[in-house]
Protein backbone atom coordinates (compact mmCIF):
# COMPACT_ATOMS: atom_id res chain seq x y z
CA MET A 1 27.77 -26.54 22.73
CA ALA A 2 30.07 -25.05 25.36
CA PRO A 3 30.71 -21.31 24.90
CA SER A 4 34.46 -21.98 24.85
CA THR A 5 34.27 -23.49 21.35
CA HIS A 6 34.30 -20.13 19.57
CA THR A 7 33.68 -16.41 19.79
CA VAL A 8 30.79 -14.90 17.83
CA PHE A 9 31.93 -11.89 15.84
CA ASN A 10 31.40 -10.15 12.49
CA GLN A 11 27.62 -10.38 12.79
CA ALA A 12 25.56 -7.25 12.10
CA PRO A 13 23.58 -6.01 15.10
CA PRO A 14 19.80 -5.93 14.70
CA LEU A 15 18.37 -2.81 13.08
CA VAL A 16 16.44 -1.62 16.10
CA GLY A 17 16.12 1.43 18.33
CA TYR A 18 16.03 3.99 15.54
CA ASP A 19 13.59 6.50 14.04
CA VAL A 20 12.24 4.89 10.85
CA TYR A 21 10.98 8.25 9.60
CA ALA A 22 14.03 10.39 10.35
CA ALA A 23 16.33 7.74 8.86
CA ASP A 24 14.52 7.91 5.50
CA LEU A 25 15.73 10.98 3.60
CA ALA A 26 13.59 10.37 0.53
CA LEU A 27 10.45 10.25 2.67
CA SER A 28 11.21 13.13 5.01
CA GLU A 29 12.17 15.34 2.05
CA ALA A 30 8.87 14.47 0.35
CA VAL A 31 6.92 15.51 3.43
CA ARG A 32 8.78 18.82 3.55
CA ARG A 33 8.20 19.33 -0.18
CA HIS A 34 4.48 18.59 -0.28
CA LEU A 35 3.22 20.08 2.99
CA PRO A 36 2.62 23.80 3.58
CA SER A 37 5.23 25.26 5.90
CA GLU A 38 2.70 25.93 8.66
CA LEU A 39 1.94 22.19 8.91
CA LEU A 40 5.52 20.94 8.98
CA ALA A 41 6.23 21.20 12.69
CA GLY A 42 3.13 19.23 13.63
CA ALA A 43 3.72 16.63 10.94
CA ARG A 44 7.34 16.14 11.98
CA ALA A 45 6.30 15.60 15.58
CA GLU A 46 3.63 13.04 14.61
CA LEU A 47 5.86 11.18 12.19
CA GLY A 48 8.82 11.27 14.55
CA GLU A 49 6.78 9.61 17.27
CA LEU A 50 5.54 7.02 14.83
CA GLY A 51 9.03 6.47 13.42
CA ARG A 52 10.60 5.94 16.84
CA SER A 53 7.86 3.53 17.80
CA ALA A 54 8.23 1.64 14.51
CA GLY A 55 11.95 1.26 15.13
CA SER A 56 11.60 0.09 18.72
CA ALA A 57 12.28 -3.46 19.85
CA GLN A 58 8.82 -3.76 21.39
CA THR A 59 6.94 -2.84 18.21
CA GLN A 60 9.10 -5.07 16.07
CA ALA A 61 8.31 -7.92 18.45
CA TRP A 62 4.60 -7.19 18.01
CA GLY A 63 5.01 -7.51 14.26
CA ALA A 64 6.80 -10.83 14.54
CA ARG A 65 4.28 -12.28 17.01
CA ALA A 66 1.28 -11.17 14.95
CA ASN A 67 2.64 -13.20 12.03
CA GLU A 68 3.74 -16.18 14.09
CA ASN A 69 0.21 -16.44 15.53
CA PRO A 70 -2.23 -16.08 12.62
CA PRO A 71 -5.94 -15.42 13.19
CA VAL A 72 -8.27 -18.27 14.10
CA LEU A 73 -11.89 -18.68 13.00
CA ARG A 74 -14.44 -19.31 15.76
CA SER A 75 -17.54 -20.25 13.80
CA HIS A 76 -19.57 -21.38 16.86
CA ASP A 77 -19.56 -20.83 20.58
CA ARG A 78 -19.31 -23.68 23.08
CA TYR A 79 -23.07 -24.25 22.98
CA GLY A 80 -23.28 -24.55 19.20
CA HIS A 81 -24.52 -21.04 18.45
CA ARG A 82 -23.13 -19.54 15.27
CA ILE A 83 -20.93 -16.51 16.12
CA ASP A 84 -18.63 -16.14 13.06
CA GLU A 85 -15.82 -14.39 14.89
CA VAL A 86 -12.10 -14.28 14.14
CA GLU A 87 -9.64 -14.24 17.01
CA PHE A 88 -6.44 -12.23 16.51
CA HIS A 89 -3.26 -12.27 18.58
CA PRO A 90 -2.99 -9.36 21.05
CA SER A 91 -0.03 -8.02 19.07
CA TRP A 92 -2.34 -7.45 16.08
CA HIS A 93 -4.61 -5.31 18.23
CA ARG A 94 -1.66 -3.35 19.63
CA LEU A 95 -0.38 -2.58 16.13
CA LEU A 96 -3.81 -1.65 14.85
CA GLY A 97 -4.60 0.47 17.88
CA HIS A 98 -1.37 2.41 17.56
CA ALA A 99 -1.96 2.98 13.86
CA VAL A 100 -5.53 4.22 14.33
CA GLY A 101 -4.35 6.43 17.19
CA ALA A 102 -1.74 7.92 14.86
CA GLY A 103 -4.44 9.00 12.40
CA LEU A 104 -3.79 6.41 9.68
CA THR A 105 -7.50 6.21 8.88
CA GLY A 106 -8.14 9.96 9.00
CA ALA A 107 -6.84 11.78 5.94
CA TRP A 108 -9.86 13.26 4.21
CA SER A 109 -10.79 16.20 6.40
CA ARG A 110 -7.55 17.61 7.80
CA PRO A 111 -5.11 19.92 5.97
CA GLY A 112 -2.34 17.95 4.30
CA GLY A 113 -4.06 14.82 5.51
CA HIS A 114 -3.13 12.56 2.61
CA VAL A 115 0.57 13.40 2.64
CA ARG A 116 0.73 13.03 6.42
CA ARG A 117 -1.17 9.76 6.36
CA ALA A 118 0.81 8.32 3.42
CA ALA A 119 4.09 9.09 5.18
CA GLY A 120 2.79 7.48 8.37
CA PHE A 121 1.48 4.46 6.49
CA LEU A 122 4.86 4.05 4.77
CA VAL A 123 6.65 4.21 8.12
CA TRP A 124 4.31 2.05 10.19
CA THR A 125 3.69 -0.80 7.73
CA GLN A 126 7.42 -1.46 7.63
CA VAL A 127 6.85 -3.06 11.03
CA GLU A 128 4.08 -5.39 9.86
CA ALA A 129 2.05 -5.16 6.66
CA GLY A 130 -0.98 -7.34 7.42
CA HIS A 131 -2.80 -4.90 9.67
CA GLY A 132 -2.42 -2.29 6.94
CA CYS A 133 -5.35 -3.94 5.17
CA PRO A 134 -8.15 -2.74 7.52
CA LEU A 135 -6.37 0.62 7.83
CA SER A 136 -6.40 1.01 4.07
CA MET A 137 -10.00 -0.06 3.55
CA THR A 138 -11.27 2.13 6.38
CA HIS A 139 -9.43 5.14 4.96
CA ALA A 140 -10.62 4.40 1.42
CA ALA A 141 -14.29 3.91 2.29
CA VAL A 142 -14.82 7.62 2.99
CA PRO A 143 -15.20 8.90 -0.61
CA ALA A 144 -17.65 6.09 -1.44
CA LEU A 145 -19.77 6.91 1.61
CA ARG A 146 -19.80 10.58 0.67
CA THR A 147 -22.03 9.74 -2.29
CA ASP A 148 -24.76 9.44 0.36
CA PRO A 149 -24.57 12.43 2.75
CA ALA A 150 -26.70 10.73 5.41
CA LEU A 151 -24.49 7.65 5.52
CA ALA A 152 -21.36 9.80 5.52
CA ALA A 153 -22.65 11.85 8.44
CA GLU A 154 -23.31 8.65 10.40
CA TRP A 155 -20.13 6.74 9.60
CA GLU A 156 -17.34 9.11 8.63
CA PRO A 157 -16.67 10.36 12.19
CA LEU A 158 -16.22 6.73 13.27
CA LEU A 159 -13.94 5.86 10.36
CA THR A 160 -11.69 8.87 10.87
CA SER A 161 -11.58 8.51 14.66
CA THR A 162 -8.30 7.98 16.46
CA VAL A 163 -9.92 5.46 18.82
CA TYR A 164 -9.65 1.75 18.12
CA GLU A 165 -12.28 -0.46 19.75
CA GLN A 166 -12.07 -4.16 19.03
CA GLY A 167 -15.07 -6.43 19.22
CA LEU A 168 -18.46 -6.58 17.50
CA ARG A 169 -21.04 -4.12 18.85
CA PRO A 170 -23.50 -1.71 17.26
CA ALA A 171 -21.54 1.10 15.67
CA ALA A 172 -23.47 3.70 17.63
CA GLN A 173 -21.96 2.28 20.82
CA LYS A 174 -18.36 2.63 19.59
CA ALA A 175 -15.98 5.58 19.46
CA GLY A 176 -14.33 4.31 16.28
CA ALA A 177 -15.04 1.80 13.54
CA LEU A 178 -13.24 -0.12 10.82
CA PHE A 179 -14.48 -0.92 7.33
CA GLY A 180 -13.86 -3.78 4.93
CA MET A 181 -14.78 -4.43 1.33
CA GLY A 182 -16.35 -7.38 -0.50
CA MET A 183 -16.36 -7.30 -4.28
CA THR A 184 -15.11 -10.55 -5.85
CA GLU A 185 -16.93 -13.84 -6.12
CA LYS A 186 -15.89 -17.37 -7.07
CA GLN A 187 -16.97 -17.18 -10.68
CA GLY A 188 -15.79 -13.70 -11.60
CA GLY A 189 -12.82 -12.39 -9.67
CA THR A 190 -12.01 -9.02 -11.22
CA ASP A 191 -15.10 -9.23 -13.44
CA VAL A 192 -17.45 -7.94 -10.74
CA ARG A 193 -20.26 -7.37 -13.25
CA SER A 194 -20.67 -11.16 -13.29
CA ASN A 195 -21.51 -11.14 -9.55
CA THR A 196 -24.51 -13.26 -8.60
CA THR A 197 -25.18 -12.01 -5.06
CA ARG A 198 -28.78 -10.75 -5.03
CA ALA A 199 -30.19 -7.69 -3.28
CA GLU A 200 -33.94 -7.71 -2.65
CA PRO A 201 -35.41 -4.30 -1.70
CA LEU A 202 -37.40 -3.93 1.50
CA SER A 203 -40.27 -1.54 2.09
CA ALA A 204 -38.02 0.97 3.86
CA GLU A 205 -36.21 3.29 1.46
CA GLY A 206 -32.65 2.19 0.73
CA GLU A 207 -32.84 -1.07 2.72
CA TYR A 208 -32.24 -4.51 1.17
CA LEU A 209 -31.63 -8.14 2.05
CA LEU A 210 -28.61 -9.78 0.41
CA THR A 211 -28.23 -13.44 -0.56
CA GLY A 212 -24.98 -14.76 -1.99
CA HIS A 213 -21.27 -14.90 -1.21
CA LYS A 214 -17.89 -13.18 -1.41
CA TRP A 215 -14.75 -15.15 -2.24
CA PHE A 216 -12.26 -12.71 -0.68
CA CYS A 217 -13.34 -10.65 2.30
CA SER A 218 -10.36 -9.40 4.30
CA ALA A 219 -10.47 -8.19 7.89
CA PRO A 220 -13.84 -9.90 8.54
CA MET A 221 -14.04 -8.52 12.09
CA SER A 222 -14.50 -5.01 10.71
CA ASP A 223 -17.63 -3.18 11.82
CA ALA A 224 -19.07 -2.81 8.34
CA PHE A 225 -18.33 -3.58 4.69
CA LEU A 226 -18.96 -2.05 1.31
CA VAL A 227 -20.11 -4.84 -0.98
CA LEU A 228 -21.47 -5.21 -4.51
CA ALA A 229 -24.70 -7.08 -5.28
CA GLN A 230 -27.26 -7.30 -8.07
CA ALA A 231 -30.30 -5.15 -7.27
CA PRO A 232 -33.33 -4.89 -9.57
CA GLY A 233 -31.64 -1.93 -11.25
CA GLY A 234 -28.28 -3.64 -11.73
CA LEU A 235 -24.99 -3.96 -9.85
CA THR A 236 -25.18 -1.76 -6.77
CA CYS A 237 -23.02 -0.81 -3.80
CA PHE A 238 -24.25 -1.57 -0.29
CA LEU A 239 -23.17 -0.88 3.29
CA LEU A 240 -23.37 -4.10 5.28
CA PRO A 241 -22.87 -3.87 9.08
CA ARG A 242 -21.72 -6.89 11.09
CA VAL A 243 -24.03 -5.93 13.98
CA LEU A 244 -27.48 -4.42 13.53
CA PRO A 245 -28.58 -1.32 15.48
CA ASP A 246 -30.58 -3.46 17.93
CA GLY A 247 -27.47 -5.47 18.82
CA THR A 248 -28.32 -8.64 16.89
CA ARG A 249 -25.76 -10.16 14.53
CA ASN A 250 -26.33 -9.62 10.82
CA PRO A 251 -26.13 -12.96 8.95
CA PHE A 252 -22.48 -13.12 7.90
CA ALA A 253 -21.35 -16.74 7.71
CA ILE A 254 -17.58 -17.09 7.58
CA GLN A 255 -16.94 -20.36 5.75
CA ARG A 256 -13.19 -20.46 6.21
CA LEU A 257 -10.06 -18.30 6.33
CA LYS A 258 -7.67 -18.35 3.39
CA ASP A 259 -4.30 -20.04 3.89
CA LYS A 260 -2.20 -17.36 2.17
CA LEU A 261 1.39 -17.13 0.98
CA GLY A 262 2.02 -14.04 3.09
CA ASN A 263 -0.03 -11.42 4.92
CA ARG A 264 -0.38 -14.10 7.59
CA SER A 265 -1.43 -11.81 10.42
CA ASN A 266 -4.49 -10.63 8.50
CA ALA A 267 -7.62 -12.75 8.05
CA SER A 268 -9.02 -13.11 4.54
CA ALA A 269 -12.31 -14.93 4.58
CA GLU A 270 -14.87 -16.63 2.37
CA VAL A 271 -18.27 -15.39 3.52
CA GLU A 272 -21.91 -16.08 2.71
CA PHE A 273 -24.96 -13.83 3.03
CA ASP A 274 -28.42 -15.27 3.70
CA GLY A 275 -31.01 -12.58 4.23
CA THR A 276 -28.28 -10.15 5.28
CA TRP A 277 -29.48 -6.59 5.88
CA ALA A 278 -27.75 -3.77 4.02
CA ARG A 279 -28.23 -0.15 3.03
CA ARG A 280 -27.81 1.05 -0.52
CA VAL A 281 -24.92 3.44 -1.22
CA GLY A 282 -25.52 5.50 -4.36
CA ASP A 283 -28.00 4.61 -7.08
CA GLU A 284 -29.12 1.18 -8.17
CA GLY A 285 -26.98 0.09 -11.09
CA GLY A 286 -24.22 2.50 -10.11
CA GLY A 287 -22.23 0.11 -7.95
CA VAL A 288 -18.94 0.31 -9.81
CA ARG A 289 -19.22 4.08 -10.15
CA THR A 290 -19.87 4.39 -6.40
CA ILE A 291 -17.12 2.11 -5.18
CA ILE A 292 -14.46 3.11 -7.71
CA GLU A 293 -13.10 5.94 -5.57
CA MET A 294 -12.58 3.48 -2.74
CA VAL A 295 -10.74 1.19 -5.15
CA ALA A 296 -8.56 4.08 -6.35
CA ALA A 297 -7.59 5.00 -2.79
CA THR A 298 -6.72 1.41 -1.90
CA ARG A 299 -4.60 1.21 -5.06
CA VAL A 300 -2.62 4.21 -3.88
CA ASP A 301 -2.08 2.34 -0.62
CA CYS A 302 -0.82 -0.64 -2.64
CA VAL A 303 1.81 1.68 -4.12
CA THR A 304 2.64 3.12 -0.70
CA GLY A 305 2.69 -0.30 0.95
CA SER A 306 5.06 -1.66 -1.70
CA ALA A 307 7.29 1.38 -1.21
CA ALA A 308 7.32 0.57 2.51
CA LEU A 309 8.32 -3.06 1.94
CA MET A 310 11.08 -2.01 -0.44
CA ARG A 311 12.36 0.62 1.97
CA GLN A 312 12.53 -1.83 4.85
CA ALA A 313 14.23 -4.50 2.73
CA VAL A 314 16.81 -2.04 1.40
CA ALA A 315 17.41 -0.59 4.87
CA GLN A 316 18.07 -4.09 6.23
CA ALA A 317 20.44 -4.89 3.36
CA ILE A 318 22.45 -1.67 3.71
CA HIS A 319 22.56 -2.00 7.50
CA HIS A 320 23.90 -5.54 7.23
CA CYS A 321 26.54 -4.61 4.68
CA ALA A 322 27.65 -1.61 6.72
CA HIS A 323 28.52 -3.91 9.64
CA ARG A 324 29.72 -7.04 7.90
CA ARG A 325 33.41 -7.42 7.08
CA VAL A 326 34.63 -9.63 4.28
CA TYR A 327 38.26 -10.32 3.52
CA ASP A 328 40.01 -6.97 3.96
CA GLY A 329 37.16 -4.51 4.32
CA VAL A 330 33.53 -3.70 5.07
CA LEU A 331 31.06 -5.26 2.65
CA ILE A 332 29.35 -1.97 1.85
CA GLU A 333 32.65 -0.62 0.46
CA LYS A 334 33.13 -3.46 -2.01
CA PRO A 335 32.50 -2.08 -5.53
CA LEU A 336 30.17 -4.85 -6.68
CA MET A 337 28.09 -4.87 -3.49
CA ARG A 338 27.94 -1.08 -3.60
CA ASN A 339 26.51 -1.37 -7.11
CA VAL A 340 23.83 -3.80 -5.94
CA LEU A 341 22.87 -1.64 -2.96
CA ALA A 342 22.77 1.53 -5.03
CA ASP A 343 20.54 -0.13 -7.61
CA LEU A 344 18.14 -1.27 -4.89
CA ALA A 345 18.20 2.18 -3.29
CA LEU A 346 17.23 3.78 -6.61
CA GLU A 347 14.18 1.56 -6.92
CA SER A 348 13.16 2.27 -3.34
CA GLU A 349 13.51 6.03 -3.61
CA ALA A 350 11.68 6.14 -6.94
CA ALA A 351 8.77 4.23 -5.37
CA THR A 352 8.66 6.51 -2.33
CA VAL A 353 8.77 9.72 -4.35
CA LEU A 354 5.97 8.51 -6.63
CA ALA A 355 3.77 7.33 -3.76
CA MET A 356 4.09 10.69 -2.02
CA ARG A 357 3.36 12.57 -5.25
CA LEU A 358 0.08 10.65 -5.54
CA ALA A 359 -0.80 11.56 -1.95
CA ALA A 360 -0.05 15.22 -2.65
CA ALA A 361 -2.41 15.12 -5.64
CA TYR A 362 -5.20 13.94 -3.35
CA ASP A 363 -4.52 16.84 -0.99
CA ALA A 364 -4.51 19.38 -3.83
CA ASP A 365 -7.88 18.06 -5.07
CA THR A 366 -7.96 20.29 -8.17
CA GLU A 367 -9.50 19.29 -11.47
CA ASP A 368 -6.04 18.93 -13.01
CA GLU A 369 -4.74 16.78 -10.14
CA ARG A 370 -7.81 14.55 -10.22
CA ALA A 371 -7.24 14.03 -13.95
CA PHE A 372 -3.58 13.24 -13.28
CA LEU A 373 -4.54 10.61 -10.70
CA ARG A 374 -6.85 8.81 -13.11
CA ILE A 375 -3.88 7.74 -15.21
CA ALA A 376 -1.02 7.95 -12.70
CA VAL A 377 -2.63 5.65 -10.12
CA PRO A 378 -3.06 2.56 -12.34
CA ALA A 379 0.36 3.14 -13.96
CA ALA A 380 2.04 3.46 -10.56
CA LYS A 381 0.11 0.54 -9.09
CA TYR A 382 1.12 -1.62 -12.04
CA TRP A 383 4.83 -0.83 -11.92
CA VAL A 384 5.74 -0.16 -8.30
CA THR A 385 3.99 -3.25 -6.99
CA LYS A 386 5.66 -5.35 -9.70
CA ARG A 387 9.11 -4.11 -8.65
CA CYS A 388 8.59 -5.00 -5.00
CA ALA A 389 9.24 -8.75 -5.15
CA PRO A 390 12.54 -8.60 -7.09
CA VAL A 391 13.79 -5.77 -4.85
CA VAL A 392 13.03 -7.71 -1.67
CA ALA A 393 14.53 -10.91 -3.07
CA GLU A 394 17.79 -9.16 -4.00
CA ALA A 395 17.93 -7.39 -0.64
CA LEU A 396 17.51 -10.74 1.11
CA GLU A 397 20.42 -12.11 -0.89
CA CYS A 398 22.61 -9.28 0.39
CA LEU A 399 22.34 -10.87 3.84
CA GLY A 400 23.37 -14.26 2.48
CA GLY A 401 22.20 -17.26 4.49
CA ASN A 402 21.34 -14.95 7.41
CA GLY A 403 18.62 -13.42 5.26
CA TYR A 404 17.07 -16.77 4.43
CA VAL A 405 16.12 -17.60 8.02
CA GLU A 406 12.88 -16.41 9.60
CA GLU A 407 14.56 -14.58 12.48
CA SER A 408 15.99 -12.02 10.06
CA GLY A 409 12.51 -10.85 9.07
CA MET A 410 13.46 -10.96 5.39
CA PRO A 411 11.40 -14.09 4.51
CA ARG A 412 8.29 -12.35 5.86
CA LEU A 413 9.00 -9.34 3.63
CA LEU A 414 9.52 -11.65 0.66
CA ARG A 415 6.23 -13.48 1.21
CA GLU A 416 4.45 -10.14 1.48
CA ALA A 417 6.10 -8.63 -1.59
CA PRO A 418 3.79 -10.04 -4.35
CA LEU A 419 0.60 -9.14 -2.51
CA ASN A 420 0.01 -5.57 -3.63
CA SER A 421 0.44 -6.55 -7.26
CA VAL A 422 -2.44 -9.03 -6.89
CA TRP A 423 -4.90 -7.13 -4.68
CA GLU A 424 -7.12 -4.34 -5.98
CA GLY A 425 -6.62 -5.49 -9.56
CA SER A 426 -3.60 -7.42 -10.79
CA GLY A 427 -1.12 -6.28 -13.43
CA ASN A 428 -3.27 -6.76 -16.50
CA VAL A 429 -6.18 -4.93 -14.88
CA GLN A 430 -3.98 -1.93 -14.08
CA ALA A 431 -2.46 -1.83 -17.56
CA LEU A 432 -5.91 -1.97 -19.15
CA ASP A 433 -7.12 0.76 -16.81
CA VAL A 434 -4.31 2.95 -18.15
CA LEU A 435 -5.65 2.35 -21.66
CA ARG A 436 -9.19 3.03 -20.49
CA ALA A 437 -8.15 6.39 -19.06
CA LEU A 438 -6.31 7.24 -22.28
CA ARG A 439 -9.35 6.44 -24.41
CA ARG A 440 -12.10 7.94 -22.30
CA GLU A 441 -10.49 10.90 -20.60
CA PRO A 442 -8.24 13.13 -22.72
CA THR A 443 -7.78 15.44 -19.74
CA ALA A 444 -6.00 12.61 -17.89
CA LEU A 445 -3.30 12.29 -20.54
CA ASN A 446 -2.95 16.07 -20.75
CA ALA A 447 -2.46 16.29 -16.97
CA PHE A 448 0.07 13.45 -17.05
CA LEU A 449 2.04 15.08 -19.87
CA ARG A 450 2.07 18.40 -18.03
CA GLU A 451 3.47 16.67 -14.97
CA ILE A 452 6.36 14.95 -16.75
CA GLY A 453 6.92 18.04 -18.89
CA ARG A 454 7.99 19.99 -15.82
CA ALA A 455 11.33 18.16 -15.98
CA ARG A 456 11.76 18.30 -19.73
CA GLY A 457 15.14 19.56 -20.85
CA ALA A 458 16.86 18.71 -17.57
CA ASP A 459 18.20 15.30 -18.65
CA HIS A 460 18.66 14.07 -22.22
CA ARG A 461 17.82 10.47 -21.29
CA LEU A 462 14.53 11.56 -19.76
CA ASP A 463 13.78 13.61 -22.86
CA GLY A 464 14.48 10.59 -25.05
CA ALA A 465 12.25 8.39 -22.91
CA ILE A 466 9.43 10.94 -23.19
CA ARG A 467 9.76 10.92 -26.98
CA ASP A 468 9.66 7.12 -27.04
CA MET A 469 6.61 7.10 -24.79
CA LEU A 470 4.79 9.58 -27.04
CA ALA A 471 5.59 7.38 -30.03
CA GLU A 472 4.04 4.43 -28.19
CA LEU A 473 0.95 6.48 -27.46
CA ALA A 474 0.62 7.53 -31.08
CA ASP A 475 0.69 3.94 -32.37
CA LEU A 476 -2.68 2.31 -31.73
CA GLU A 477 -1.85 -0.91 -33.57
CA GLY A 478 -2.10 -3.81 -31.13
CA ILE A 479 -2.33 -1.38 -28.21
CA GLU A 480 -4.04 -3.86 -25.86
CA ALA A 481 -1.25 -6.41 -26.25
CA ARG A 482 1.23 -3.62 -25.53
CA ALA A 483 -0.63 -2.31 -22.47
CA ARG A 484 1.92 -3.56 -19.94
CA ARG A 485 4.80 -2.13 -21.94
CA LEU A 486 3.03 1.22 -22.12
CA ALA A 487 2.14 1.27 -18.40
CA GLU A 488 5.75 0.48 -17.50
CA ARG A 489 7.09 3.26 -19.71
CA MET A 490 4.65 5.80 -18.34
CA ALA A 491 5.48 4.85 -14.74
CA THR A 492 9.25 4.94 -15.19
CA VAL A 493 9.11 8.22 -17.11
CA LEU A 494 7.01 9.70 -14.33
CA GLN A 495 9.46 8.45 -11.69
CA GLY A 496 12.38 9.83 -13.69
CA SER A 497 10.74 13.22 -14.04
CA LEU A 498 10.09 13.41 -10.28
CA LEU A 499 13.65 12.39 -9.40
CA VAL A 500 15.18 14.84 -11.88
CA ARG A 501 13.20 17.63 -10.23
CA TRP A 502 13.57 16.66 -6.60
CA ALA A 503 16.29 14.08 -5.89
CA PRO A 504 20.03 14.75 -5.54
CA PRO A 505 21.86 14.76 -8.90
CA GLU A 506 23.60 11.44 -8.23
CA VAL A 507 20.24 9.70 -7.68
CA ALA A 508 18.56 11.24 -10.73
CA ASP A 509 21.63 10.56 -12.88
CA ALA A 510 21.78 6.88 -11.92
CA PHE A 511 18.03 6.39 -12.39
CA CYS A 512 17.95 8.04 -15.80
CA ALA A 513 21.04 6.16 -16.97
CA SER A 514 19.78 2.73 -15.94
CA ARG A 515 15.98 2.96 -16.20
CA LEU A 516 15.56 5.40 -19.07
CA GLY A 517 18.88 5.45 -20.92
CA GLY A 518 19.35 1.72 -21.33
CA ASP A 519 22.67 1.65 -19.47
CA GLY A 520 21.82 -1.13 -17.04
CA GLY A 521 21.15 -4.85 -17.03
CA ALA A 522 18.19 -7.05 -16.19
CA ALA A 523 19.54 -7.86 -12.70
CA PHE A 524 20.28 -5.47 -9.87
CA GLY A 525 23.91 -4.45 -9.51
CA THR A 526 24.45 -3.58 -13.18
CA LEU A 527 24.65 0.22 -12.92
CA PRO A 528 27.41 2.03 -14.85
CA HIS A 529 30.52 1.96 -12.65
CA SER A 530 31.29 5.61 -13.40
CA LEU A 531 28.28 6.87 -11.41
CA ASP A 532 28.52 8.21 -7.86
CA LEU A 533 27.18 5.01 -6.31
CA ALA A 534 28.69 5.60 -2.87
CA SER A 535 26.56 8.73 -2.41
CA VAL A 536 23.42 6.89 -3.52
CA VAL A 537 24.03 4.16 -0.94
CA GLU A 538 24.96 6.55 1.85
CA ARG A 539 21.75 8.51 1.28
CA ALA A 540 19.71 5.33 1.77
CA ARG A 541 21.48 4.18 4.96
CA PRO A 542 19.02 3.82 7.85
CA VAL A 543 20.77 6.30 10.12
CA GLU A 544 19.15 9.36 11.64
CA ARG A 545 20.00 12.78 10.28
CA GLU A 546 18.99 16.24 11.35
CA SER A 547 15.25 16.85 11.07
CA CYS A 548 14.09 17.48 7.52
């Protein structure tokens, strides 16, 4: 069509060329709150660099290309030799290399490492979420490996390295390594105790040969995997390298790659083991106990990753509405749209504040904080990941038809949104884990109650919600059928208590009114009109402020 037919106007410019970290007040305030003052300058510099890179046109193009060009399985070479390799687009490697270089796999040994890494993970995965999978599993493998000091000494320096080296080679020849995880099988899914993969001990201490399969094995080009298999003493955790020390390939037959709803840049494979060499991690029969800390850390990343998706979706929605005019004014100033945006912003900030509180508990590493995590992690994983999909869908709608086309980036966010609720244990698993912690570990409930009690008396709606939650806890009749209801209440009460303590009054007031006080509807955009919604929206606008 000739350009003379019309003039293009009233279209929002792309949200690009900005500092993703500095533009997120809820996140930058959390970093300032949870880090010791002597670490703040260094953390700000790191996160500022990462935020500017995440907001750049080049990095956003990498994210788009990595999803437009999904990984390809190369089962054999040209001569018919089995190689079982997965080929990723160069943009995937650029994203992963930048993330590793920014320390997103190295939290466990540096001061404030978990808060710094969580903030970086929340910033960087807004660009592209798929490559967050190997980052998360590599980070989370460290506590499992530490059950065996010799294995930890060999592998932890590689996992926490800031050097990314693609390609399969013996780990000893690399400056950095990535880890994956293989737990579920066709017949069991979450019920890993039904696994049938066998582990036959060799004469050398701690060495086994595995025979069996894994139904979901993500990032199959990782250097090594933690897997579960049935040893003579029961279900056991093993370290399985892709390449053996002598340079030969460990049997690791990739049957196919999953054709997934979202997470398209990341490969999730079905794999088979046939005499595959592995080293035992922990005791025979203690597989779940050994790997559970890895699972807990990946669940925290599910919370953080969902917070990142929500933040990016809300930022895109607010940015669009701030530039789009309708009838006689800017869309963001229309009372009903302002209500929708404020409601979305509340959910995003509550998710961010909770994710960062979990990271701070890991850094504190006290007995009380560890007890708090045992109940807060499954409750948060249950609720925050469940809220992600409706938040992203509503944010997409704020862009109208523009949000429904691939070029906007919103469909990719929407396809990604359900993922974290499914991976690392779906909703029922998380809710039942909350019950398990309540039944088996009284210290966990005590730590949780102490945490929410720090805000008691500051808001009558929060106080009422705490009383209702305690009544739920006291009633054991049909508790399993009410597990989701209980997990939701505990998560929202925890979010409310954190916002009352740390967020601006207008944010805490709106959250407590709508999420705890019953003054809100089932859809977004149903907040009480008397609240200061303009301030809530302005706080969430993706514009850079002075350094926090």
